[in-house]
Amino acid sequence: MTIVAIDKNGDVIGFIRSLTYGYTTLFICELLVIEQKRDAGIGNELINHLHKKYPYTRIDLLATKHSSKILRKTRI
């Protein structure tokens, strides 16, 4: 599943791409937000939207040292 974040001008400002194997695990493959919109909660909104689609599914992802600092701010 891919969810795209679009601003009020219709420009793509971020997206999240995930895979699921049934209803047990959902794996986030990519989460990208354009640099100008970072720290605005876009990534958090994308993850929350995905979580609402699959509320009873465990979400897994791999993170780099840099992205793990960012993901600690995420509230799901």
PDB file of N, CA and C in Angstrom:
ATOM      1  N   MET A   1       0.847  -1.165   0.000  1.00  0.00           N
ATOM      2  CA  MET A   1       0.000   0.000   0.000  1.00  0.00           C
ATOM      3  C   MET A   1       0.895   1.231   0.000  1.00  0.00           C
ATOM      4  N   THR A   2       0.524   2.201  -0.784  1.00  0.00           N
ATOM      5  CA  THR A   2       1.216   3.487  -0.805  1.00  0.00           C
ATOM      6  C   THR A   2       0.219   4.583  -0.465  1.00  0.00           C
ATOM      7  N   ILE A   3       0.612   5.462   0.456  1.00  0.00           N
ATOM      8  CA  ILE A   3      -0.190   6.620   0.825  1.00  0.00           C
ATOM      9  C   ILE A   3       0.642   7.848   0.507  1.00  0.00           C
ATOM     10  N   VAL A   4       0.042   8.781  -0.205  1.00  0.00           N
ATOM     11  CA  VAL A   4       0.745   9.988  -0.644  1.00  0.00           C
ATOM     12  C   VAL A   4       0.182  11.198   0.090  1.00  0.00           C
ATOM     13  N   ALA A   5       1.076  12.057   0.581  1.00  0.00           N
ATOM     14  CA  ALA A   5       0.674  13.317   1.219  1.00  0.00           C
ATOM     15  C   ALA A   5       0.779  14.426   0.184  1.00  0.00           C
ATOM     16  N   ILE A   6      -0.307  15.169   0.024  1.00  0.00           N
ATOM     17  CA  ILE A   6      -0.378  16.247  -0.967  1.00  0.00           C
ATOM     18  C   ILE A   6      -0.762  17.529  -0.243  1.00  0.00           C
ATOM     19  N   ASP A   7      -0.086  18.624  -0.578  1.00  0.00           N
ATOM     20  CA  ASP A   7      -0.431  19.901   0.064  1.00  0.00           C
ATOM     21  C   ASP A   7      -1.629  20.540  -0.629  1.00  0.00           C
ATOM     22  N   LYS A   8      -2.058  21.689  -0.135  1.00  0.00           N
ATOM     23  CA  LYS A   8      -3.266  22.333  -0.679  1.00  0.00           C
ATOM     24  C   LYS A   8      -3.101  22.822  -2.110  1.00  0.00           C
ATOM     25  N   ASN A   9      -1.861  22.877  -2.609  1.00  0.00           N
ATOM     26  CA  ASN A   9      -1.613  23.246  -4.005  1.00  0.00           C
ATOM     27  C   ASN A   9      -1.601  22.037  -4.932  1.00  0.00           C
ATOM     28  N   GLY A  10      -1.752  20.844  -4.357  1.00  0.00           N
ATOM     29  CA  GLY A  10      -1.743  19.622  -5.154  1.00  0.00           C
ATOM     30  C   GLY A  10      -0.359  19.038  -5.358  1.00  0.00           C
ATOM     31  N   ASP A  11       0.642  19.577  -4.660  1.00  0.00           N
ATOM     32  CA  ASP A  11       2.013  19.076  -4.786  1.00  0.00           C
ATOM     33  C   ASP A  11       2.245  17.917  -3.820  1.00  0.00           C
ATOM     34  N   VAL A  12       2.966  16.906  -4.283  1.00  0.00           N
ATOM     35  CA  VAL A  12       3.327  15.780  -3.427  1.00  0.00           C
ATOM     36  C   VAL A  12       4.395  16.257  -2.447  1.00  0.00           C
ATOM     37  N   ILE A  13       4.145  16.040  -1.151  1.00  0.00           N
ATOM     38  CA  ILE A  13       5.110  16.467  -0.135  1.00  0.00           C
ATOM     39  C   ILE A  13       5.674  15.291   0.661  1.00  0.00           C
ATOM     40  N   GLY A  14       5.130  14.102   0.427  1.00  0.00           N
ATOM     41  CA  GLY A  14       5.655  12.922   1.098  1.00  0.00           C
ATOM     42  C   GLY A  14       4.861  11.685   0.741  1.00  0.00           C
ATOM     43  N   PHE A  15       5.409  10.528   1.119  1.00  0.00           N
ATOM     44  CA  PHE A  15       4.674   9.279   0.920  1.00  0.00           C
ATOM     45  C   PHE A  15       5.213   8.205   1.852  1.00  0.00           C
ATOM     46  N   ILE A  16       4.390   7.200   2.046  1.00  0.00           N
ATOM     47  CA  ILE A  16       4.777   6.020   2.804  1.00  0.00           C
ATOM     48  C   ILE A  16       4.391   4.812   1.963  1.00  0.00           C
ATOM     49  N   ARG A  17       5.290   3.838   1.887  1.00  0.00           N
ATOM     50  CA  ARG A  17       5.028   2.616   1.124  1.00  0.00           C
ATOM     51  C   ARG A  17       5.199   1.438   2.069  1.00  0.00           C
ATOM     52  N   SER A  18       4.232   0.532   2.046  1.00  0.00           N
ATOM     53  CA  SER A  18       4.271  -0.594   2.979  1.00  0.00           C
ATOM     54  C   SER A  18       3.809  -1.881   2.310  1.00  0.00           C
ATOM     55  N   LEU A  19       4.165  -2.983   2.936  1.00  0.00           N
ATOM     56  CA  LEU A  19       3.728  -4.313   2.514  1.00  0.00           C
ATOM     57  C   LEU A  19       3.119  -5.006   3.717  1.00  0.00           C
ATOM     58  N   THR A  20       2.129  -5.846   3.467  1.00  0.00           N
ATOM     59  CA  THR A  20       1.560  -6.633   4.557  1.00  0.00           C
ATOM     60  C   THR A  20       1.394  -8.075   4.100  1.00  0.00           C
ATOM     61  N   TYR A  21       1.573  -8.963   5.038  1.00  0.00           N
ATOM     62  CA  TYR A  21       1.401 -10.392   4.799  1.00  0.00           C
ATOM     63  C   TYR A  21       0.205 -10.837   5.623  1.00  0.00           C
ATOM     64  N   GLY A  22      -0.966 -10.560   5.121  1.00  0.00           N
ATOM     65  CA  GLY A  22      -2.176 -10.879   5.867  1.00  0.00           C
ATOM     66  C   GLY A  22      -2.449  -9.810   6.907  1.00  0.00           C
ATOM     67  N   TYR A  23      -2.864 -10.234   8.087  1.00  0.00           N
ATOM     68  CA  TYR A  23      -3.240  -9.282   9.129  1.00  0.00           C
ATOM     69  C   TYR A  23      -2.303  -9.313  10.332  1.00  0.00           C
ATOM     70  N   THR A  24      -1.154  -9.960  10.203  1.00  0.00           N
ATOM     71  CA  THR A  24      -0.243 -10.076  11.333  1.00  0.00           C
ATOM     72  C   THR A  24       0.773  -8.949  11.373  1.00  0.00           C
ATOM     73  N   THR A  25       1.487  -8.742  10.280  1.00  0.00           N
ATOM     74  CA  THR A  25       2.584  -7.780  10.253  1.00  0.00           C
ATOM     75  C   THR A  25       2.477  -6.872   9.041  1.00  0.00           C
ATOM     76  N   LEU A  26       2.748  -5.610   9.262  1.00  0.00           N
ATOM     77  CA  LEU A  26       2.830  -4.618   8.195  1.00  0.00           C
ATOM     78  C   LEU A  26       4.255  -4.068   8.238  1.00  0.00           C
ATOM     79  N   PHE A  27       4.937  -4.066   7.115  1.00  0.00           N
ATOM     80  CA  PHE A  27       6.319  -3.613   7.052  1.00  0.00           C
ATOM     81  C   PHE A  27       6.392  -2.293   6.293  1.00  0.00           C
ATOM     82  N   ILE A  28       6.899  -1.251   6.928  1.00  0.00           N
ATOM     83  CA  ILE A  28       7.089   0.031   6.251  1.00  0.00           C
ATOM     84  C   ILE A  28       8.384  -0.047   5.455  1.00  0.00           C
ATOM     85  N   CYS A  29       8.267   0.053   4.134  1.00  0.00           N
ATOM     86  CA  CYS A  29       9.422  -0.027   3.242  1.00  0.00           C
ATOM     87  C   CYS A  29      10.086   1.330   3.058  1.00  0.00           C
ATOM     88  N   GLU A  30       9.273   2.356   2.888  1.00  0.00           N
ATOM     89  CA  GLU A  30       9.800   3.706   2.668  1.00  0.00           C
ATOM     90  C   GLU A  30       8.888   4.731   3.321  1.00  0.00           C
ATOM     91  N   LEU A  31       9.495   5.761   3.863  1.00  0.00           N
ATOM     92  CA  LEU A  31       8.776   6.912   4.396  1.00  0.00           C
ATOM     93  C   LEU A  31       9.606   8.129   4.034  1.00  0.00           C
ATOM     94  N   LEU A  32       9.084   8.934   3.133  1.00  0.00           N
ATOM     95  CA  LEU A  32       9.823  10.100   2.656  1.00  0.00           C
ATOM     96  C   LEU A  32       8.964  11.354   2.748  1.00  0.00           C
ATOM     97  N   VAL A  33       9.570  12.437   3.203  1.00  0.00           N
ATOM     98  CA  VAL A  33       8.932  13.752   3.250  1.00  0.00           C
ATOM     99  C   VAL A  33       9.932  14.746   2.672  1.00  0.00           C
ATOM    100  N   ILE A  34       9.457  15.640   1.795  1.00  0.00           N
ATOM    101  CA  ILE A  34      10.384  16.601   1.204  1.00  0.00           C
ATOM    102  C   ILE A  34      11.005  17.466   2.302  1.00  0.00           C
ATOM    103  N   GLU A  35      12.234  17.875   2.058  1.00  0.00           N
ATOM    104  CA  GLU A  35      13.011  18.580   3.079  1.00  0.00           C
ATOM    105  C   GLU A  35      12.314  19.822   3.619  1.00  0.00           C
ATOM    106  N   GLN A  36      11.648  20.569   2.757  1.00  0.00           N
ATOM    107  CA  GLN A  36      10.993  21.813   3.171  1.00  0.00           C
ATOM    108  C   GLN A  36       9.831  21.580   4.131  1.00  0.00           C
ATOM    109  N   LYS A  37       9.281  20.371   4.158  1.00  0.00           N
ATOM    110  CA  LYS A  37       8.108  20.066   4.990  1.00  0.00           C
ATOM    111  C   LYS A  37       8.442  19.192   6.200  1.00  0.00           C
ATOM    112  N   ARG A  38       9.721  18.900   6.409  1.00  0.00           N
ATOM    113  CA  ARG A  38      10.104  18.079   7.558  1.00  0.00           C
ATOM    114  C   ARG A  38       9.875  18.840   8.847  1.00  0.00           C
ATOM    115  N   ASP A  39       9.660  18.129   9.918  1.00  0.00           N
ATOM    116  CA  ASP A  39       9.343  18.679  11.244  1.00  0.00           C
ATOM    117  C   ASP A  39       7.985  19.364  11.276  1.00  0.00           C
ATOM    118  N   ALA A  40       7.124  19.043  10.309  1.00  0.00           N
ATOM    119  CA  ALA A  40       5.765  19.601  10.286  1.00  0.00           C
ATOM    120  C   ALA A  40       4.730  18.533  10.640  1.00  0.00           C
ATOM    121  N   GLY A  41       5.191  17.328  10.997  1.00  0.00           N
ATOM    122  CA  GLY A  41       4.274  16.261  11.380  1.00  0.00           C
ATOM    123  C   GLY A  41       3.738  15.436  10.224  1.00  0.00           C
ATOM    124  N   ILE A  42       4.272  15.638   9.016  1.00  0.00           N
ATOM    125  CA  ILE A  42       3.779  14.907   7.834  1.00  0.00           C
ATOM    126  C   ILE A  42       4.044  13.407   7.974  1.00  0.00           C
ATOM    127  N   GLY A  43       5.267  13.042   8.344  1.00  0.00           N
ATOM    128  CA  GLY A  43       5.602  11.626   8.524  1.00  0.00           C
ATOM    129  C   GLY A  43       4.733  10.976   9.582  1.00  0.00           C
ATOM    130  N   ASN A  44       4.514  11.688  10.663  1.00  0.00           N
ATOM    131  CA  ASN A  44       3.656  11.202  11.740  1.00  0.00           C
ATOM    132  C   ASN A  44       2.234  10.964  11.232  1.00  0.00           C
ATOM    133  N   GLU A  45       1.721  11.892  10.446  1.00  0.00           N
ATOM    134  CA  GLU A  45       0.374  11.747   9.874  1.00  0.00           C
ATOM    135  C   GLU A  45       0.299  10.543   8.941  1.00  0.00           C
ATOM    136  N   LEU A  46       1.335  10.328   8.139  1.00  0.00           N
ATOM    137  CA  LEU A  46       1.349   9.186   7.227  1.00  0.00           C
ATOM    138  C   LEU A  46       1.335   7.871   8.002  1.00  0.00           C
ATOM    139  N   ILE A  47       2.156   7.768   9.036  1.00  0.00           N
ATOM    140  CA  ILE A  47       2.182   6.551   9.851  1.00  0.00           C
ATOM    141  C   ILE A  47       0.845   6.356  10.555  1.00  0.00           C
ATOM    142  N   ASN A  48       0.281   7.410  11.099  1.00  0.00           N
ATOM    143  CA  ASN A  48      -1.021   7.300  11.775  1.00  0.00           C
ATOM    144  C   ASN A  48      -2.125   6.873  10.816  1.00  0.00           C
ATOM    145  N   HIS A  49      -2.105   7.401   9.594  1.00  0.00           N
ATOM    146  CA  HIS A  49      -3.107   7.018   8.595  1.00  0.00           C
ATOM    147  C   HIS A  49      -2.975   5.526   8.269  1.00  0.00           C
ATOM    148  N   LEU A  50      -1.749   5.075   8.112  1.00  0.00           N
ATOM    149  CA  LEU A  50      -1.499   3.661   7.845  1.00  0.00           C
ATOM    150  C   LEU A  50      -1.971   2.802   9.019  1.00  0.00           C
ATOM    151  N   HIS A  51      -1.704   3.249  10.229  1.00  0.00           N
ATOM    152  CA  HIS A  51      -2.119   2.509  11.426  1.00  0.00           C
ATOM    153  C   HIS A  51      -3.643   2.422  11.520  1.00  0.00           C
ATOM    154  N   LYS A  52      -4.347   3.475  11.108  1.00  0.00           N
ATOM    155  CA  LYS A  52      -5.819   3.446  11.114  1.00  0.00           C
ATOM    156  C   LYS A  52      -6.364   2.436  10.108  1.00  0.00           C
ATOM    157  N   LYS A  53      -5.658   2.264   8.989  1.00  0.00           N
ATOM    158  CA  LYS A  53      -6.081   1.282   7.982  1.00  0.00           C
ATOM    159  C   LYS A  53      -5.911  -0.148   8.494  1.00  0.00           C
ATOM    160  N   TYR A  54      -4.870  -0.373   9.305  1.00  0.00           N
ATOM    161  CA  TYR A  54      -4.551  -1.700   9.836  1.00  0.00           C
ATOM    162  C   TYR A  54      -4.384  -1.610  11.355  1.00  0.00           C
ATOM    163  N   PRO A  55      -5.462  -1.363  12.105  1.00  0.00           N
ATOM    164  CA  PRO A  55      -5.338  -1.090  13.540  1.00  0.00           C
ATOM    165  C   PRO A  55      -4.868  -2.269  14.389  1.00  0.00           C
ATOM    166  N   TYR A  56      -5.041  -3.487  13.917  1.00  0.00           N
ATOM    167  CA  TYR A  56      -4.673  -4.656  14.716  1.00  0.00           C
ATOM    168  C   TYR A  56      -3.439  -5.365  14.174  1.00  0.00           C
ATOM    169  N   THR A  57      -2.707  -4.697  13.321  1.00  0.00           N
ATOM    170  CA  THR A  57      -1.529  -5.272  12.690  1.00  0.00           C
ATOM    171  C   THR A  57      -0.270  -4.665  13.287  1.00  0.00           C
ATOM    172  N   ARG A  58       0.698  -5.508  13.584  1.00  0.00           N
ATOM    173  CA  ARG A  58       1.986  -5.023  14.083  1.00  0.00           C
ATOM    174  C   ARG A  58       2.713  -4.308  12.948  1.00  0.00           C
ATOM    175  N   ILE A  59       3.312  -3.166  13.236  1.00  0.00           N
ATOM    176  CA  ILE A  59       4.056  -2.403  12.234  1.00  0.00           C
ATOM    177  C   ILE A  59       5.543  -2.570  12.503  1.00  0.00           C
ATOM    178  N   ASP A  60       6.280  -3.015  11.492  1.00  0.00           N
ATOM    179  CA  ASP A  60       7.734  -3.170  11.572  1.00  0.00           C
ATOM    180  C   ASP A  60       8.395  -2.259  10.558  1.00  0.00           C
ATOM    181  N   LEU A  61       9.605  -1.824  10.888  1.00  0.00           N
ATOM    182  CA  LEU A  61      10.409  -1.068   9.932  1.00  0.00           C
ATOM    183  C   LEU A  61      11.863  -1.145  10.337  1.00  0.00           C
ATOM    184  N   LEU A  62      12.730  -0.888   9.392  1.00  0.00           N
ATOM    185  CA  LEU A  62      14.158  -0.780   9.654  1.00  0.00           C
ATOM    186  C   LEU A  62      14.511   0.692   9.606  1.00  0.00           C
ATOM    187  N   ALA A  63      15.381   1.119  10.508  1.00  0.00           N
ATOM    188  CA  ALA A  63      15.736   2.535  10.569  1.00  0.00           C
ATOM    189  C   ALA A  63      17.251   2.698  10.597  1.00  0.00           C
ATOM    190  N   THR A  64      17.719   3.772   9.995  1.00  0.00           N
ATOM    191  CA  THR A  64      19.128   4.134  10.092  1.00  0.00           C
ATOM    192  C   THR A  64      19.350   4.890  11.397  1.00  0.00           C
ATOM    193  N   LYS A  65      20.581   5.162  11.719  1.00  0.00           N
ATOM    194  CA  LYS A  65      20.888   5.923  12.936  1.00  0.00           C
ATOM    195  C   LYS A  65      20.189   7.281  12.909  1.00  0.00           C
ATOM    196  N   HIS A  66      20.201   7.946  11.759  1.00  0.00           N
ATOM    197  CA  HIS A  66      19.566   9.262  11.622  1.00  0.00           C
ATOM    198  C   HIS A  66      18.044   9.166  11.722  1.00  0.00           C
ATOM    199  N   SER A  67      17.464   8.229  10.983  1.00  0.00           N
ATOM    200  CA  SER A  67      15.999   8.148  10.973  1.00  0.00           C
ATOM    201  C   SER A  67      15.439   7.664  12.302  1.00  0.00           C
ATOM    202  N   SER A  68      16.205   6.888  13.051  1.00  0.00           N
ATOM    203  CA  SER A  68      15.689   6.421  14.339  1.00  0.00           C
ATOM    204  C   SER A  68      15.470   7.585  15.298  1.00  0.00           C
ATOM    205  N   LYS A  69      16.283   8.633  15.209  1.00  0.00           N
ATOM    206  CA  LYS A  69      16.079   9.827  16.038  1.00  0.00           C
ATOM    207  C   LYS A  69      14.760  10.502  15.680  1.00  0.00           C
ATOM    208  N   ILE A  70      14.466  10.569  14.405  1.00  0.00           N
ATOM    209  CA  ILE A  70      13.227  11.185  13.925  1.00  0.00           C
ATOM    210  C   ILE A  70      12.022  10.343  14.343  1.00  0.00           C
ATOM    211  N   LEU A  71      12.132   9.038  14.187  1.00  0.00           N
ATOM    212  CA  LEU A  71      11.006   8.152  14.478  1.00  0.00           C
ATOM    213  C   LEU A  71      10.658   8.111  15.958  1.00  0.00           C
ATOM    214  N   ARG A  72      11.585   8.434  16.823  1.00  0.00           N
ATOM    215  CA  ARG A  72      11.286   8.467  18.261  1.00  0.00           C
ATOM    216  C   ARG A  72      10.212   9.502  18.579  1.00  0.00           C
ATOM    217  N   LYS A  73      10.082  10.515  17.722  1.00  0.00           N
ATOM    218  CA  LYS A  73       9.077  11.561  17.927  1.00  0.00           C
ATOM    219  C   LYS A  73       7.680  11.105  17.507  1.00  0.00           C
ATOM    220  N   THR A  74       7.605  10.031  16.740  1.00  0.00           N
ATOM    221  CA  THR A  74       6.335   9.573  16.193  1.00  0.00           C
ATOM    222  C   THR A  74       5.452   9.009  17.295  1.00  0.00           C
ATOM    223  N   ARG A  75       4.200   9.423  17.278  1.00  0.00           N
ATOM    224  CA  ARG A  75       3.240   8.967  18.285  1.00  0.00           C
ATOM    225  C   ARG A  75       2.168   8.118  17.612  1.00  0.00           C
ATOM    226  N   ILE A  76       2.305   6.801  17.747  1.00  0.00           N
ATOM    227  CA  ILE A  76       1.242   5.917  17.264  1.00  0.00           C
ATOM    228  C   ILE A  76       0.823   5.005  18.389  1.00  0.00           C
TER     229      ILE A  76
END
